[in-house]
C-alpha atoms as a PDB file:
ATOM      1  CA  MET A   1      -0.281   1.228  -6.331  1.00  0.00           C
ATOM      2  CA  ASN A   2       0.695  -0.284  -2.995  1.00  0.00           C
ATOM      3  CA  SER A   3      -2.627  -1.072  -1.333  1.00  0.00           C
ATOM      4  CA  THR A   4      -1.102  -1.000   2.149  1.00  0.00           C
ATOM      5  CA  LEU A   5      -0.232   2.674   1.793  1.00  0.00           C
ATOM      6  CA  ASP A   6      -2.784   4.930   3.426  1.00  0.00           C
ATOM      7  CA  TYR A   7      -3.689   8.181   1.691  1.00  0.00           C
ATOM      8  CA  SER A   8      -6.313   9.023   4.304  1.00  0.00           C
ATOM      9  CA  LYS A   9      -7.288  12.497   5.418  1.00  0.00           C
ATOM     10  CA  GLU A  10      -5.325  11.865   8.628  1.00  0.00           C
ATOM     11  CA  ARG A  11      -2.153  11.159   6.647  1.00  0.00           C
ATOM     12  CA  GLN A  12      -2.734  14.214   4.470  1.00  0.00           C
ATOM     13  CA  ASP A  13      -3.220  16.300   7.641  1.00  0.00           C
ATOM     14  CA  ILE A  14       0.179  15.067   8.855  1.00  0.00           C
ATOM     15  CA  TRP A  15       1.747  16.016   5.509  1.00  0.00           C
ATOM     16  CA  TYR A  16       0.385  19.517   5.853  1.00  0.00           C
ATOM     17  CA  GLU A  17       1.446  19.876   9.501  1.00  0.00           C
ATOM     18  CA  LEU A  18       4.998  18.857   8.606  1.00  0.00           C
ATOM     19  CA  SER A  19       5.086  21.285   5.681  1.00  0.00           C
ATOM     20  CA  VAL A  20       5.545  24.151   8.184  1.00  0.00           C
ATOM     21  CA  LEU A  21       9.112  22.938   8.740  1.00  0.00           C
ATOM     22  CA  PHE A  22       9.933  23.577   5.077  1.00  0.00           C
ATOM     23  CA  LEU A  23       8.829  27.215   4.968  1.00  0.00           C
ATOM     24  CA  ASP A  24      11.579  29.778   4.457  1.00  0.00           C
ATOM     25  CA  THR A  25      11.112  31.078   8.014  1.00  0.00           C
ATOM     26  CA  GLU A  26      12.091  29.710  11.399  1.00  0.00           C
ATOM     27  CA  PRO A  27       9.144  27.790  12.886  1.00  0.00           C
ATOM     28  CA  SER A  28       7.857  29.408  16.075  1.00  0.00           C
ATOM     29  CA  GLN A  29       7.534  27.550  19.365  1.00  0.00           C
ATOM     30  CA  GLY A  30       3.780  27.675  18.769  1.00  0.00           C
ATOM     31  CA  ASP A  31       4.246  26.002  15.367  1.00  0.00           C
ATOM     32  CA  LEU A  32       6.408  23.282  16.892  1.00  0.00           C
ATOM     33  CA  SER A  33       4.001  22.718  19.789  1.00  0.00           C
ATOM     34  CA  ARG A  34       1.042  22.417  17.401  1.00  0.00           C
ATOM     35  CA  ILE A  35       2.938  19.907  15.249  1.00  0.00           C
ATOM     36  CA  VAL A  36       3.883  17.868  18.335  1.00  0.00           C
ATOM     37  CA  GLU A  37       0.295  17.794  19.601  1.00  0.00           C
ATOM     38  CA  ARG A  38      -1.141  16.757  16.248  1.00  0.00           C
ATOM     39  CA  LEU A  39       1.476  14.088  15.608  1.00  0.00           C
ATOM     40  CA  ALA A  40       1.099  12.690  19.124  1.00  0.00           C
ATOM     41  CA  ALA A  41      -2.678  12.509  18.688  1.00  0.00           C
ATOM     42  CA  SER A  42      -2.389  10.716  15.338  1.00  0.00           C
ATOM     43  CA  SER A  43      -2.763   6.972  14.892  1.00  0.00           C
ATOM     44  CA  PHE A  44       0.713   6.692  13.334  1.00  0.00           C
ATOM     45  CA  SER A  45       3.572   5.070  15.213  1.00  0.00           C
ATOM     46  CA  SER A  46       6.878   6.904  15.587  1.00  0.00           C
ATOM     47  CA  SER A  47       8.428   4.785  12.840  1.00  0.00           C
ATOM     48  CA  GLU A  48       5.498   5.562  10.531  1.00  0.00           C
ATOM     49  CA  LEU A  49       5.852   9.282  11.269  1.00  0.00           C
ATOM     50  CA  ILE A  50       9.552   9.110  10.406  1.00  0.00           C
ATOM     51  CA  MET A  51       8.760   7.339   7.130  1.00  0.00           C
ATOM     52  CA  ILE A  52       6.048   9.884   6.301  1.00  0.00           C
ATOM     53  CA  MET A  53       8.459  12.752   6.904  1.00  0.00           C
ATOM     54  CA  GLU A  54      11.563  11.314   5.234  1.00  0.00           C
ATOM     55  CA  ASP A  55      10.003   9.456   2.306  1.00  0.00           C
ATOM     56  CA  GLU A  56       6.871  11.453   1.524  1.00  0.00           C
ATOM     57  CA  VAL A  57       7.039  15.074   2.733  1.00  0.00           C
ATOM     58  CA  ALA A  58      10.746  15.967   2.645  1.00  0.00           C
ATOM     59  CA  PRO A  59      11.419  14.814  -0.948  1.00  0.00           C
ATOM     60  CA  ILE A  60       8.722  17.183  -2.208  1.00  0.00           C
ATOM     61  CA  LEU A  61       9.165  20.224   0.038  1.00  0.00           C
ATOM     62  CA  HIS A  62      12.915  20.359   0.775  1.00  0.00           C
ATOM     63  CA  THR A  63      13.581  22.379  -2.379  1.00  0.00           C
ATOM     64  CA  ASN A  64      11.723  25.344  -0.892  1.00  0.00           C
ATOM     65  CA  LEU A  65      14.600  25.770   1.564  1.00  0.00           C
ATOM     66  CA  LEU A  66      17.155  25.684  -1.245  1.00  0.00           C
ATOM     67  CA  CYS A  67      15.609  28.600  -3.171  1.00  0.00           C
ATOM     68  CA  MET A  68      16.813  32.178  -2.767  1.00  0.00           C
ATOM     69  CA  ALA A  69      13.222  33.342  -2.398  1.00  0.00           C
ATOM     70  CA  GLY A  70      11.377  30.300  -1.108  1.00  0.00           C
ATOM     71  CA  GLN A  71       7.820  30.218   0.141  1.00  0.00           C
ATOM     72  CA  TRP A  72       7.746  31.875   3.567  1.00  0.00           C
ATOM     73  CA  GLY A  73       3.991  32.097   4.155  1.00  0.00           C
ATOM     74  CA  MET A  74       1.863  28.989   4.430  1.00  0.00           C
ATOM     75  CA  PHE A  75       1.870  26.453   1.623  1.00  0.00           C
ATOM     76  CA  ASP A  76      -1.374  25.909  -0.235  1.00  0.00           C
ATOM     77  CA  ARG A  77      -2.576  22.640   1.298  1.00  0.00           C
ATOM     78  CA  ASP A  78      -3.805  21.035  -1.911  1.00  0.00           C
ATOM     79  CA  GLU A  79      -1.642  22.588  -4.628  1.00  0.00           C
ATOM     80  CA  ASP A  80       1.724  22.713  -2.819  1.00  0.00           C
ATOM     81  CA  VAL A  81       1.529  19.736  -0.470  1.00  0.00           C
ATOM     82  CA  ILE A  82      -1.178  17.112  -1.069  1.00  0.00           C
ATOM     83  CA  GLN A  83      -1.220  16.895  -4.884  1.00  0.00           C
ATOM     84  CA  PRO A  84       2.588  16.842  -5.365  1.00  0.00           C
ATOM     85  CA  ILE A  85       3.013  14.136  -2.714  1.00  0.00           C
ATOM     86  CA  LEU A  86       0.187  12.043  -4.171  1.00  0.00           C
ATOM     87  CA  ALA A  87       1.639  12.434  -7.681  1.00  0.00           C
ATOM     88  CA  ARG A  88       5.070  11.319  -6.471  1.00  0.00           C
ATOM     89  CA  MET A  89       3.605   8.341  -4.617  1.00  0.00           C
ATOM     90  CA  ARG A  90       1.665   7.289  -7.729  1.00  0.00           C
ATOM     91  CA  ALA A  91       4.791   7.684  -9.892  1.00  0.00           C
ATOM     92  CA  LEU A  92       6.734   5.484  -7.472  1.00  0.00           C
ATOM     93  CA  ASN A  93       3.888   2.964  -7.346  1.00  0.00           C
ATOM     94  CA  GLY A  94       3.410   3.657  -3.628  1.00  0.00           C
ATOM     95  CA  ASN A  95       6.993   2.731  -2.746  1.00  0.00           C
ATOM     96  CA  PRO A  96       9.076   5.884  -2.149  1.00  0.00           C
ATOM     97  CA  ALA A  97      11.877   3.959  -0.426  1.00  0.00           C
ATOM     98  CA  ARG A  98      13.164   2.135  -3.500  1.00  0.00           C
ATOM     99  CA  GLY A  99      16.824   1.870  -4.347  1.00  0.00           C
ATOM    100  CA  TRP A 100      20.102   0.948  -2.783  1.00  0.00           C
ATOM    101  CA  PRO A 101      20.168   1.514   0.977  1.00  0.00           C
ATOM    102  CA  PHE A 102      23.247   3.760   0.876  1.00  0.00           C
ATOM    103  CA  PHE A 103      21.717   6.051  -1.770  1.00  0.00           C
ATOM    104  CA  LEU A 104      18.422   6.130   0.138  1.00  0.00           C
ATOM    105  CA  PHE A 105      20.355   7.180   3.238  1.00  0.00           C
ATOM    106  CA  LEU A 106      22.098   9.980   1.313  1.00  0.00           C
ATOM    107  CA  LYS A 107      18.849  11.196  -0.273  1.00  0.00           C
ATOM    108  CA  ARG A 108      17.111  11.272   3.100  1.00  0.00           C
ATOM    109  CA  LYS A 109      20.029  13.179   4.656  1.00  0.00           C
ATOM    110  CA  PHE A 110      19.965  15.714   1.817  1.00  0.00           C
ATOM    111  CA  HIS A 111      16.180  16.175   2.013  1.00  0.00           C
ATOM    112  CA  MET A 112      16.267  16.574   5.801  1.00  0.00           C
ATOM    113  CA  MET A 113      19.446  18.655   6.212  1.00  0.00           C
ATOM    114  CA  ASN A 114      17.650  21.943   6.878  1.00  0.00           C
ATOM    115  CA  VAL A 115      14.946  20.603   9.178  1.00  0.00           C
ATOM    116  CA  GLU A 116      16.707  17.789  11.013  1.00  0.00           C
ATOM    117  CA  ALA A 117      17.245  19.616  14.330  1.00  0.00           C
ATOM    118  CA  ASP A 118      13.602  20.691  14.594  1.00  0.00           C
ATOM    119  CA  TRP A 119      12.437  17.254  13.452  1.00  0.00           C
ATOM    120  CA  HIS A 120      14.391  15.476  16.212  1.00  0.00           C
ATOM    121  CA  LYS A 121      12.990  17.883  18.821  1.00  0.00           C
ATOM    122  CA  ILE A 122       9.487  17.181  17.549  1.00  0.00           C
ATOM    123  CA  LEU A 123       9.979  13.405  17.643  1.00  0.00           C
ATOM    124  CA  ASP A 124      11.360  13.564  21.186  1.00  0.00           C
ATOM    125  CA  ARG A 125       8.417  15.673  22.342  1.00  0.00           C
ATOM    126  CA  VAL A 126       5.907  13.379  20.595  1.00  0.00           C
ATOM    127  CA  SER A 127       7.393  10.357  22.376  1.00  0.00           C
ATOM    128  CA  LEU A 128       7.305  12.164  25.728  1.00  0.00           C
ATOM    129  CA  LEU A 129       3.707  13.308  25.221  1.00  0.00           C
ATOM    130  CA  ARG A 130       2.601   9.797  24.249  1.00  0.00           C
ATOM    131  CA  ARG A 131       4.310   8.280  27.308  1.00  0.00           C
ATOM    132  CA  GLU A 132       2.596  10.803  29.569  1.00  0.00           C
ATOM    133  CA  SER A 133      -0.847  10.026  28.116  1.00  0.00           C
END
């Protein structure tokens, strides 16, 4: 496993915060504000947050938004979010961004297609909040 990859509680907290975007309901302004605050307070850079979202969270949870009757309540933190992401990371030997760049781009676009607008708003607000601090 890639020893530089951090599976810390902080990273797992970020995974769970981002999972709200993949529920089969529109995230509320309160949800988005909470995500922004927690991401801004994290030790992860903006580029790390993007990688966490696109390469770790979205590949696991995007299918919920493709189901006719997807999960609309909260995900179970351990069973639905943490364990599946950890299993995928172990299967990929800690390197989820393997493959040809064009195919990686297409996979990321597909995984993010339903959450991209909210994700960009969150990133913009995280950057603004960090600049103000």
